[in-house]
Structure formats: C-alpha cells, structure tokens
Amino acid sequence: MKSYIFVDNIKCDGCVSTIKKKVGEIENISNVEVDIESGSVSFDCANDSCRLNVISTLKRWGYPQTGTGTKIDNAKSFVSCMIGRIDK
C-alpha cells in the first residue's frame, strides 16, 4: 500500500539522501521517494505497523511529522543533513 507522510526539516539533497537510506533500511518498506518542496515522504509498505515504524524512524533522525517537532528535532535534522551530504 502506498503511504505518504509530511515531515518538517527537509532542506536539501543531503536530507533526501539520509531519509531514503534510513527509511529504506526498514523491513517491508520499498519505493521510498522524498519531495523537498512539499516535505513529503512516500513509500510502499505492507501495513500500518510499517507506517508507524517509518514515522518513528523519521522523528529519530530529526524529521518529525509536520507540526509535531521540537527544537531538538531541528538540531537532529542538521546533523542528519550533513551525514546525508557526506554519504552522497
């Protein structure tokens, strides 16, 4: 099933790289796409459990669902962004 999540803090291709890598590592997730403009992350998953796992993973890396983030999430996203740029 195709799922969409809108998240905060997607700033650049480094962020996109980190998100695709981390979400792609989750079991039963495939076809991860990220749109910087809209702040959306789309992916295919088997059930709601997978979707909740993606939401949790994104928050852990500094990309919380839109409107639910904290200053700590913002700081985490800057680190994740830099990691994504290095890994790219």
C-alpha atoms as a PDB file:
ATOM      1  CA  MET A   1       0.000   0.000   0.000  1.00  0.00           C
ATOM      2  CA  LYS A   2       1.322   3.465  -0.883  1.00  0.00           C
ATOM      3  CA  SER A   3       1.736   5.789   2.125  1.00  0.00           C
ATOM      4  CA  TYR A   4       2.550   9.474   2.388  1.00  0.00           C
ATOM      5  CA  ILE A   5       3.908  11.309   5.398  1.00  0.00           C
ATOM      6  CA  PHE A   6       4.536  15.051   5.540  1.00  0.00           C
ATOM      7  CA  VAL A   7       7.531  15.965   7.664  1.00  0.00           C
ATOM      8  CA  ASP A   8       9.435  19.044   8.791  1.00  0.00           C
ATOM      9  CA  ASN A   9      13.091  19.962   8.222  1.00  0.00           C
ATOM     10  CA  ILE A  10      13.725  18.598   4.719  1.00  0.00           C
ATOM     11  CA  LYS A  11      16.140  21.208   3.409  1.00  0.00           C
ATOM     12  CA  CYS A  12      18.344  19.723   0.711  1.00  0.00           C
ATOM     13  CA  ASP A  13      19.562  16.660  -1.169  1.00  0.00           C
ATOM     14  CA  GLY A  14      21.561  15.631   1.924  1.00  0.00           C
ATOM     15  CA  CYS A  15      18.307  15.360   3.856  1.00  0.00           C
ATOM     16  CA  VAL A  16      16.763  13.392   0.991  1.00  0.00           C
ATOM     17  CA  SER A  17      19.719  11.009   0.963  1.00  0.00           C
ATOM     18  CA  THR A  18      19.508  10.382   4.719  1.00  0.00           C
ATOM     19  CA  ILE A  19      15.741   9.853   4.633  1.00  0.00           C
ATOM     20  CA  LYS A  20      15.886   7.429   1.691  1.00  0.00           C
ATOM     21  CA  LYS A  21      18.680   5.453   3.314  1.00  0.00           C
ATOM     22  CA  LYS A  22      17.156   5.219   6.798  1.00  0.00           C
ATOM     23  CA  VAL A  23      13.586   4.552   5.676  1.00  0.00           C
ATOM     24  CA  GLY A  24      14.830   2.097   3.055  1.00  0.00           C
ATOM     25  CA  GLU A  25      16.520   0.061   5.801  1.00  0.00           C
ATOM     26  CA  ILE A  26      13.166  -0.635   7.479  1.00  0.00           C
ATOM     27  CA  GLU A  27      11.807  -4.126   6.875  1.00  0.00           C
ATOM     28  CA  ASN A  28       8.860  -4.333   4.432  1.00  0.00           C
ATOM     29  CA  ILE A  29       9.424  -0.806   3.064  1.00  0.00           C
ATOM     30  CA  SER A  30      10.143  -0.141  -0.613  1.00  0.00           C
ATOM     31  CA  ASN A  31       9.989   2.607  -3.244  1.00  0.00           C
ATOM     32  CA  VAL A  32      10.958   5.467  -0.919  1.00  0.00           C
ATOM     33  CA  GLU A  33      10.568   8.892  -2.537  1.00  0.00           C
ATOM     34  CA  VAL A  34      11.145  12.308  -0.972  1.00  0.00           C
ATOM     35  CA  ASP A  35       9.869  15.672  -2.221  1.00  0.00           C
ATOM     36  CA  ILE A  36      11.748  18.651  -0.767  1.00  0.00           C
ATOM     37  CA  GLU A  37       9.166  21.216  -1.921  1.00  0.00           C
ATOM     38  CA  SER A  38       6.165  19.626  -0.225  1.00  0.00           C
ATOM     39  CA  GLY A  39       8.050  17.952   2.622  1.00  0.00           C
ATOM     40  CA  SER A  40       6.528  14.602   1.726  1.00  0.00           C
ATOM     41  CA  VAL A  41       7.950  11.127   2.062  1.00  0.00           C
ATOM     42  CA  SER A  42       6.164   8.388   0.138  1.00  0.00           C
ATOM     43  CA  PHE A  43       6.796   4.669   0.299  1.00  0.00           C
ATOM     44  CA  ASP A  44       5.187   1.286  -0.142  1.00  0.00           C
ATOM     45  CA  CYS A  45       4.514  -0.757   2.987  1.00  0.00           C
ATOM     46  CA  ALA A  46       2.528  -3.797   3.929  1.00  0.00           C
ATOM     47  CA  ASN A  47       0.542  -2.455   6.900  1.00  0.00           C
ATOM     48  CA  ASP A  48       0.043   0.321   9.456  1.00  0.00           C
ATOM     49  CA  SER A  49       2.782  -1.117  11.651  1.00  0.00           C
ATOM     50  CA  CYS A  50       5.330  -0.402   8.911  1.00  0.00           C
ATOM     51  CA  ARG A  51       3.969   3.128   8.544  1.00  0.00           C
ATOM     52  CA  LEU A  52       4.317   3.795  12.273  1.00  0.00           C
ATOM     53  CA  ASN A  53       7.864   2.455  12.115  1.00  0.00           C
ATOM     54  CA  VAL A  54       8.664   4.986   9.367  1.00  0.00           C
ATOM     55  CA  ILE A  55       7.197   7.844  11.418  1.00  0.00           C
ATOM     56  CA  SER A  56       9.292   6.807  14.423  1.00  0.00           C
ATOM     57  CA  THR A  57      12.472   6.474  12.353  1.00  0.00           C
ATOM     58  CA  LEU A  58      11.992   9.860  10.701  1.00  0.00           C
ATOM     59  CA  LYS A  59      11.470  11.556  14.056  1.00  0.00           C
ATOM     60  CA  ARG A  60      14.580   9.875  15.485  1.00  0.00           C
ATOM     61  CA  TRP A  61      16.635  11.370  12.610  1.00  0.00           C
ATOM     62  CA  GLY A  62      15.148  14.869  13.029  1.00  0.00           C
ATOM     63  CA  TYR A  63      12.280  14.725  10.539  1.00  0.00           C
ATOM     64  CA  PRO A  64       9.064  14.657  12.614  1.00  0.00           C
ATOM     65  CA  GLN A  65       5.601  14.762  11.112  1.00  0.00           C
ATOM     66  CA  THR A  66       4.662  18.319  10.173  1.00  0.00           C
ATOM     67  CA  GLY A  67       3.717  20.383  13.200  1.00  0.00           C
ATOM     68  CA  THR A  68       4.926  17.915  15.847  1.00  0.00           C
ATOM     69  CA  GLY A  69       8.633  18.765  16.001  1.00  0.00           C
ATOM     70  CA  THR A  70      10.759  20.329  18.712  1.00  0.00           C
ATOM     71  CA  LYS A  71      13.980  22.335  18.728  1.00  0.00           C
ATOM     72  CA  ILE A  72      15.834  19.078  19.385  1.00  0.00           C
ATOM     73  CA  ASP A  73      14.333  17.631  16.187  1.00  0.00           C
ATOM     74  CA  ASN A  74      15.601  20.691  14.302  1.00  0.00           C
ATOM     75  CA  ALA A  75      19.112  20.138  15.662  1.00  0.00           C
ATOM     76  CA  LYS A  76      18.999  16.433  14.781  1.00  0.00           C
ATOM     77  CA  SER A  77      17.941  17.269  11.246  1.00  0.00           C
ATOM     78  CA  PHE A  78      21.030  19.449  10.725  1.00  0.00           C
ATOM     79  CA  VAL A  79      23.258  16.538  11.758  1.00  0.00           C
ATOM     80  CA  SER A  80      21.287  14.118   9.548  1.00  0.00           C
ATOM     81  CA  CYS A  81      21.548  16.579   6.685  1.00  0.00           C
ATOM     82  CA  MET A  82      25.338  16.686   6.980  1.00  0.00           C
ATOM     83  CA  ILE A  83      25.557  12.890   7.186  1.00  0.00           C
ATOM     84  CA  GLY A  84      23.443  12.660   4.037  1.00  0.00           C
ATOM     85  CA  ARG A  85      25.755  15.067   2.223  1.00  0.00           C
ATOM     86  CA  ILE A  86      28.818  13.069   3.238  1.00  0.00           C
ATOM     87  CA  ASP A  87      27.256   9.718   2.289  1.00  0.00           C
ATOM     88  CA  LYS A  88      26.073  11.076  -1.049  1.00  0.00           C
END
